Amino acid sequence: MKYRLRAACLSLFLIVGLSVFSYGGAEESQAKAVISNNVFEFKPVLDGTKIDHDFIIQNNGNATLEIEKIETG
């Protein structure tokens, strides 16, 4: 009886301990793009006038940020 109780307690300890240990170090790598001002209203200009505006994009994640597509509105 004592042997079965010890074996059951040890099994439970191993199952709980291993699941917590394996989950604790398995942080998923993920990129996170943060744009402080993602909308900018351009003033009216004459046709053919060159205008510029910089959008600052920061990666606050722990993986490489890859920008695959940009669309204008």
C-alpha atoms as a PDB file:
ATOM      1  CA  MET A   1       0.000   0.000   0.000  1.00  0.00           C
ATOM      2  CA  LYS A   2       2.802   2.429   0.894  1.00  0.00           C
ATOM      3  CA  TYR A   3       4.597   1.535  -2.332  1.00  0.00           C
ATOM      4  CA  ARG A   4       1.524   2.382  -4.452  1.00  0.00           C
ATOM      5  CA  LEU A   5       0.997   5.669  -2.626  1.00  0.00           C
ATOM      6  CA  ARG A   6       4.657   6.640  -3.119  1.00  0.00           C
ATOM      7  CA  ALA A   7       4.534   5.652  -6.790  1.00  0.00           C
ATOM      8  CA  ALA A   8       1.341   7.671  -7.322  1.00  0.00           C
ATOM      9  CA  CYS A   9       2.803  10.744  -5.591  1.00  0.00           C
ATOM     10  CA  LEU A  10       6.041  10.476  -7.561  1.00  0.00           C
ATOM     11  CA  SER A  11       4.139  10.110 -10.846  1.00  0.00           C
ATOM     12  CA  LEU A  12       1.988  13.139 -10.065  1.00  0.00           C
ATOM     13  CA  PHE A  13       5.059  15.169  -9.080  1.00  0.00           C
ATOM     14  CA  LEU A  14       6.847  14.245 -12.319  1.00  0.00           C
ATOM     15  CA  ILE A  15       3.847  15.043 -14.520  1.00  0.00           C
ATOM     16  CA  VAL A  16       3.236  18.437 -12.921  1.00  0.00           C
ATOM     17  CA  GLY A  17       6.939  19.281 -12.637  1.00  0.00           C
ATOM     18  CA  LEU A  18       7.796  18.411 -16.225  1.00  0.00           C
ATOM     19  CA  SER A  19       4.813  20.261 -17.671  1.00  0.00           C
ATOM     20  CA  VAL A  20       5.711  23.445 -15.768  1.00  0.00           C
ATOM     21  CA  PHE A  21       9.404  23.104 -16.613  1.00  0.00           C
ATOM     22  CA  SER A  22       8.784  22.559 -20.338  1.00  0.00           C
ATOM     23  CA  TYR A  23       6.290  25.444 -20.536  1.00  0.00           C
ATOM     24  CA  GLY A  24       8.466  27.933 -18.656  1.00  0.00           C
ATOM     25  CA  GLY A  25      11.272  28.084 -21.205  1.00  0.00           C
ATOM     26  CA  ALA A  26       9.194  27.790 -24.354  1.00  0.00           C
ATOM     27  CA  GLU A  27       8.560  31.458 -25.094  1.00  0.00           C
ATOM     28  CA  GLU A  28       7.384  31.908 -28.659  1.00  0.00           C
ATOM     29  CA  SER A  29       9.414  34.271 -30.850  1.00  0.00           C
ATOM     30  CA  GLN A  30       7.201  36.889 -32.422  1.00  0.00           C
ATOM     31  CA  ALA A  31       7.658  40.226 -34.156  1.00  0.00           C
ATOM     32  CA  LYS A  32       5.499  43.174 -33.087  1.00  0.00           C
ATOM     33  CA  ALA A  33       5.331  46.266 -35.309  1.00  0.00           C
ATOM     34  CA  VAL A  34       4.547  49.532 -33.536  1.00  0.00           C
ATOM     35  CA  ILE A  35       3.818  52.691 -35.551  1.00  0.00           C
ATOM     36  CA  SER A  36       3.446  55.851 -33.451  1.00  0.00           C
ATOM     37  CA  ASN A  37       1.557  57.890 -36.104  1.00  0.00           C
ATOM     38  CA  ASN A  38       0.123  55.586 -38.757  1.00  0.00           C
ATOM     39  CA  VAL A  39      -2.027  58.288 -40.448  1.00  0.00           C
ATOM     40  CA  PHE A  40      -0.739  61.515 -41.954  1.00  0.00           C
ATOM     41  CA  GLU A  41      -2.862  64.092 -43.787  1.00  0.00           C
ATOM     42  CA  PHE A  42      -0.902  65.715 -46.611  1.00  0.00           C
ATOM     43  CA  LYS A  43      -1.786  69.317 -47.453  1.00  0.00           C
ATOM     44  CA  PRO A  44      -3.013  70.018 -50.992  1.00  0.00           C
ATOM     45  CA  VAL A  45      -0.128  70.368 -53.483  1.00  0.00           C
ATOM     46  CA  LEU A  46       0.257  71.056 -57.191  1.00  0.00           C
ATOM     47  CA  ASP A  47       0.446  68.059 -59.494  1.00  0.00           C
ATOM     48  CA  GLY A  48       4.025  66.843 -59.857  1.00  0.00           C
ATOM     49  CA  THR A  49       5.261  68.326 -56.566  1.00  0.00           C
ATOM     50  CA  LYS A  50       7.443  65.940 -54.585  1.00  0.00           C
ATOM     51  CA  ILE A  51       6.409  65.504 -50.959  1.00  0.00           C
ATOM     52  CA  ASP A  52       7.882  63.255 -48.277  1.00  0.00           C
ATOM     53  CA  HIS A  53       6.854  61.964 -44.869  1.00  0.00           C
ATOM     54  CA  ASP A  54       8.640  59.408 -42.706  1.00  0.00           C
ATOM     55  CA  PHE A  55       6.639  56.768 -40.851  1.00  0.00           C
ATOM     56  CA  ILE A  56       8.678  55.341 -37.973  1.00  0.00           C
ATOM     57  CA  ILE A  57       8.160  51.602 -37.465  1.00  0.00           C
ATOM     58  CA  GLN A  58       9.638  49.923 -34.393  1.00  0.00           C
ATOM     59  CA  ASN A  59       9.890  46.214 -33.684  1.00  0.00           C
ATOM     60  CA  ASN A  60       8.932  45.644 -30.041  1.00  0.00           C
ATOM     61  CA  GLY A  61       8.976  41.854 -30.428  1.00  0.00           C
ATOM     62  CA  ASN A  62      11.726  39.295 -30.040  1.00  0.00           C
ATOM     63  CA  ALA A  63      11.854  38.073 -33.664  1.00  0.00           C
ATOM     64  CA  THR A  64      12.861  39.713 -36.946  1.00  0.00           C
ATOM     65  CA  LEU A  65      10.183  42.019 -38.352  1.00  0.00           C
ATOM     66  CA  GLU A  66       9.590  41.479 -42.066  1.00  0.00           C
ATOM     67  CA  ILE A  67       7.471  44.027 -43.953  1.00  0.00           C
ATOM     68  CA  GLU A  68       6.031  42.177 -46.936  1.00  0.00           C
ATOM     69  CA  LYS A  69       3.395  44.566 -48.300  1.00  0.00           C
ATOM     70  CA  ILE A  70       2.564  48.265 -48.022  1.00  0.00           C
ATOM     71  CA  GLU A  71      -0.657  49.819 -49.308  1.00  0.00           C
ATOM     72  CA  THR A  72      -1.518  53.481 -49.726  1.00  0.00           C
ATOM     73  CA  GLY A  73      -5.004  54.809 -49.148  1.00  0.00           C
END
